[in-house]
Amino acid sequence: MPLTAAKCAKPRQPDELRTKPEDPRTVLLGQLAEGMRAALAAGDVEAARIAHETIGRLLGALGADAAGVIDLAAERSRRGG
């Protein structure tokens, strides 16, 4: 059976998740949430409590909207190193 144009794959636009690096805080929050879920499923309430507390601290931290990014080379130069 010959392939028709309708069965061919359509060209895709660049996947934004692959072209734009994800915010490290967002990644960490997702990992902590998954770890908390797994800890609760395993019955480890203490580990779940710690993950929950850490999530709260990350969300409540100053600058949680945009974590500060520094230029390491400039900072080393400024410090004389």
N, C-alpha and C. Protein backbone atom coordinates (compact mmCIF):
# COMPACT_ATOMS: atom_id res chain seq x y z
N MET A 1 0.84 -1.17 0.00
CA MET A 1 0.00 0.00 0.00
C MET A 1 0.89 1.24 0.00
N PRO A 2 0.79 2.09 -1.00
CA PRO A 2 1.64 3.28 -1.08
C PRO A 2 1.23 4.33 -0.03
N LEU A 3 2.24 5.06 0.44
CA LEU A 3 1.97 6.12 1.41
C LEU A 3 1.40 7.34 0.69
N THR A 4 0.47 7.95 1.34
CA THR A 4 -0.10 9.18 0.78
C THR A 4 0.36 10.35 1.62
N ALA A 5 0.17 11.54 1.12
CA ALA A 5 0.59 12.74 1.83
C ALA A 5 -0.10 12.85 3.19
N ALA A 6 -1.31 12.35 3.31
CA ALA A 6 -2.04 12.45 4.57
C ALA A 6 -1.40 11.60 5.67
N LYS A 7 -0.66 10.57 5.29
CA LYS A 7 -0.06 9.69 6.28
C LYS A 7 1.36 10.09 6.64
N CYS A 8 1.93 11.05 5.95
CA CYS A 8 3.29 11.50 6.25
C CYS A 8 3.29 12.38 7.49
N ALA A 9 4.39 12.35 8.18
CA ALA A 9 4.52 13.18 9.38
C ALA A 9 4.54 14.65 8.99
N LYS A 10 3.89 15.45 9.83
CA LYS A 10 3.87 16.89 9.59
C LYS A 10 5.10 17.51 10.21
N PRO A 11 5.67 18.53 9.56
CA PRO A 11 6.83 19.19 10.15
C PRO A 11 6.43 19.85 11.47
N ARG A 12 7.35 19.80 12.44
CA ARG A 12 7.07 20.34 13.76
C ARG A 12 7.85 21.61 13.98
N GLN A 13 7.30 22.47 14.81
CA GLN A 13 8.00 23.66 15.26
C GLN A 13 8.98 23.23 16.34
N PRO A 14 10.03 24.02 16.59
CA PRO A 14 10.96 23.66 17.67
C PRO A 14 10.22 23.53 19.00
N ASP A 15 10.52 22.50 19.72
CA ASP A 15 9.90 22.25 21.01
C ASP A 15 10.47 23.25 22.02
N GLU A 16 9.61 24.09 22.60
CA GLU A 16 10.08 25.13 23.52
C GLU A 16 10.82 24.53 24.71
N LEU A 17 10.42 23.34 25.16
CA LEU A 17 11.09 22.72 26.29
C LEU A 17 12.52 22.34 25.95
N ARG A 18 12.79 22.10 24.69
CA ARG A 18 14.14 21.72 24.28
C ARG A 18 15.00 22.91 23.92
N THR A 19 14.37 24.03 23.59
CA THR A 19 15.14 25.19 23.17
C THR A 19 15.33 26.20 24.29
N LYS A 20 14.49 26.17 25.31
CA LYS A 20 14.58 27.13 26.41
C LYS A 20 14.89 26.36 27.69
N PRO A 21 16.03 26.65 28.32
CA PRO A 21 16.35 25.92 29.56
C PRO A 21 15.32 26.23 30.64
N GLU A 22 14.94 25.21 31.38
CA GLU A 22 13.95 25.36 32.43
C GLU A 22 14.60 25.99 33.67
N ASP A 23 13.81 26.77 34.38
CA ASP A 23 14.26 27.42 35.60
C ASP A 23 14.68 26.35 36.61
N PRO A 24 15.88 26.47 37.20
CA PRO A 24 16.35 25.46 38.15
C PRO A 24 15.44 25.30 39.37
N ARG A 25 14.82 26.39 39.81
CA ARG A 25 13.90 26.28 40.95
C ARG A 25 12.68 25.44 40.58
N THR A 26 12.18 25.63 39.37
CA THR A 26 11.02 24.86 38.93
C THR A 26 11.37 23.37 38.87
N VAL A 27 12.54 23.06 38.35
CA VAL A 27 12.99 21.67 38.28
C VAL A 27 13.09 21.08 39.69
N LEU A 28 13.72 21.83 40.59
CA LEU A 28 13.91 21.36 41.96
C LEU A 28 12.56 21.16 42.66
N LEU A 29 11.64 22.09 42.47
CA LEU A 29 10.32 21.95 43.09
C LEU A 29 9.61 20.70 42.59
N GLY A 30 9.72 20.43 41.30
CA GLY A 30 9.11 19.21 40.75
C GLY A 30 9.72 17.95 41.33
N GLN A 31 11.05 17.95 41.47
CA GLN A 31 11.73 16.79 42.04
C GLN A 31 11.36 16.59 43.51
N LEU A 32 11.27 17.69 44.24
CA LEU A 32 10.88 17.58 45.65
C LEU A 32 9.45 17.08 45.79
N ALA A 33 8.57 17.58 44.94
CA ALA A 33 7.17 17.12 44.99
C ALA A 33 7.08 15.63 44.69
N GLU A 34 7.82 15.19 43.69
CA GLU A 34 7.82 13.76 43.35
C GLU A 34 8.42 12.93 44.49
N GLY A 35 9.49 13.43 45.09
CA GLY A 35 10.10 12.73 46.22
C GLY A 35 9.16 12.67 47.41
N MET A 36 8.43 13.75 47.66
CA MET A 36 7.47 13.76 48.76
C MET A 36 6.36 12.74 48.50
N ARG A 37 5.88 12.68 47.25
CA ARG A 37 4.85 11.70 46.90
C ARG A 37 5.35 10.28 47.12
N ALA A 38 6.58 10.01 46.68
CA ALA A 38 7.15 8.67 46.83
C ALA A 38 7.35 8.33 48.30
N ALA A 39 7.80 9.31 49.09
CA ALA A 39 8.00 9.06 50.53
C ALA A 39 6.67 8.74 51.21
N LEU A 40 5.64 9.48 50.87
CA LEU A 40 4.33 9.19 51.46
C LEU A 40 3.82 7.82 51.04
N ALA A 41 4.02 7.47 49.78
CA ALA A 41 3.58 6.16 49.30
C ALA A 41 4.31 5.03 50.03
N ALA A 42 5.57 5.29 50.41
CA ALA A 42 6.36 4.29 51.12
C ALA A 42 6.13 4.34 52.63
N GLY A 43 5.35 5.32 53.08
CA GLY A 43 5.08 5.44 54.51
C GLY A 43 6.15 6.19 55.29
N ASP A 44 7.05 6.87 54.59
CA ASP A 44 8.13 7.61 55.25
C ASP A 44 7.66 9.04 55.48
N VAL A 45 6.96 9.25 56.58
CA VAL A 45 6.37 10.55 56.87
C VAL A 45 7.45 11.60 57.15
N GLU A 46 8.53 11.22 57.77
CA GLU A 46 9.59 12.17 58.09
C GLU A 46 10.24 12.72 56.82
N ALA A 47 10.53 11.87 55.86
CA ALA A 47 11.11 12.34 54.59
C ALA A 47 10.11 13.23 53.86
N ALA A 48 8.85 12.88 53.88
CA ALA A 48 7.82 13.70 53.24
C ALA A 48 7.72 15.06 53.93
N ARG A 49 7.84 15.09 55.25
CA ARG A 49 7.78 16.35 56.00
C ARG A 49 8.95 17.25 55.61
N ILE A 50 10.14 16.67 55.49
CA ILE A 50 11.33 17.44 55.12
C ILE A 50 11.18 18.00 53.70
N ALA A 51 10.69 17.19 52.78
CA ALA A 51 10.48 17.66 51.40
C ALA A 51 9.45 18.79 51.40
N HIS A 52 8.38 18.63 52.17
CA HIS A 52 7.33 19.65 52.25
C HIS A 52 7.89 20.96 52.80
N GLU A 53 8.69 20.87 53.85
CA GLU A 53 9.31 22.06 54.45
C GLU A 53 10.23 22.74 53.45
N THR A 54 10.99 21.96 52.71
CA THR A 54 11.92 22.52 51.73
C THR A 54 11.17 23.20 50.59
N ILE A 55 10.08 22.61 50.15
CA ILE A 55 9.25 23.24 49.12
C ILE A 55 8.75 24.59 49.63
N GLY A 56 8.27 24.62 50.86
CA GLY A 56 7.80 25.87 51.44
C GLY A 56 8.87 26.92 51.52
N ARG A 57 10.07 26.52 51.89
CA ARG A 57 11.19 27.48 51.98
C ARG A 57 11.56 28.02 50.61
N LEU A 58 11.55 27.17 49.58
CA LEU A 58 11.86 27.63 48.23
C LEU A 58 10.79 28.60 47.72
N LEU A 59 9.55 28.29 47.99
CA LEU A 59 8.47 29.15 47.51
C LEU A 59 8.40 30.47 48.27
N GLY A 60 8.80 30.46 49.53
CA GLY A 60 8.74 31.66 50.34
C GLY A 60 10.00 32.48 50.35
N ALA A 61 11.04 31.99 49.71
CA ALA A 61 12.33 32.69 49.72
C ALA A 61 12.27 33.99 48.93
N LEU A 62 13.02 34.99 49.39
CA LEU A 62 13.10 36.23 48.64
C LEU A 62 13.67 35.93 47.26
N GLY A 63 13.11 36.55 46.26
CA GLY A 63 13.59 36.34 44.90
C GLY A 63 13.14 35.02 44.33
N ALA A 64 12.08 34.44 44.88
CA ALA A 64 11.60 33.16 44.36
C ALA A 64 11.08 33.30 42.94
N ASP A 65 10.67 34.52 42.56
CA ASP A 65 10.18 34.72 41.20
C ASP A 65 11.30 34.58 40.18
N ALA A 66 12.45 35.09 40.52
CA ALA A 66 13.60 35.01 39.62
C ALA A 66 14.86 34.89 40.46
N ALA A 67 15.43 33.73 40.43
CA ALA A 67 16.66 33.50 41.19
C ALA A 67 17.78 34.36 40.63
N GLY A 68 18.62 34.85 41.52
CA GLY A 68 19.73 35.67 41.08
C GLY A 68 20.75 34.86 40.31
N VAL A 69 21.21 35.43 39.22
CA VAL A 69 22.24 34.79 38.41
C VAL A 69 23.42 35.74 38.37
N ILE A 70 24.60 35.20 38.64
CA ILE A 70 25.79 36.05 38.63
C ILE A 70 26.75 35.59 37.55
N ASP A 71 27.54 36.52 37.08
CA ASP A 71 28.60 36.22 36.13
C ASP A 71 29.82 35.82 36.96
N LEU A 72 30.15 34.53 36.98
CA LEU A 72 31.24 34.05 37.83
C LEU A 72 32.57 34.68 37.49
N ALA A 73 32.86 34.88 36.24
CA ALA A 73 34.13 35.48 35.85
C ALA A 73 34.22 36.91 36.38
N ALA A 74 33.15 37.67 36.25
CA ALA A 74 33.13 39.04 36.72
C ALA A 74 33.25 39.08 38.24
N GLU A 75 32.59 38.17 38.92
CA GLU A 75 32.64 38.13 40.37
C GLU A 75 34.04 37.77 40.86
N ARG A 76 34.69 36.82 40.20
CA ARG A 76 36.07 36.44 40.55
C ARG A 76 37.00 37.64 40.34
N SER A 77 36.81 38.34 39.23
CA SER A 77 37.63 39.50 38.91
C SER A 77 37.41 40.59 39.96
N ARG A 78 36.18 40.80 40.36
CA ARG A 78 35.86 41.81 41.35
C ARG A 78 36.51 41.49 42.70
N ARG A 79 36.58 40.20 43.01
CA ARG A 79 37.16 39.77 44.28
C ARG A 79 38.69 39.64 44.20
N GLY A 80 39.24 39.87 43.04
CA GLY A 80 40.69 39.82 42.89
C GLY A 80 41.22 38.41 42.69
N GLY A 81 40.39 37.50 42.23
CA GLY A 81 40.81 36.12 42.08
C GLY A 81 40.80 35.70 40.70
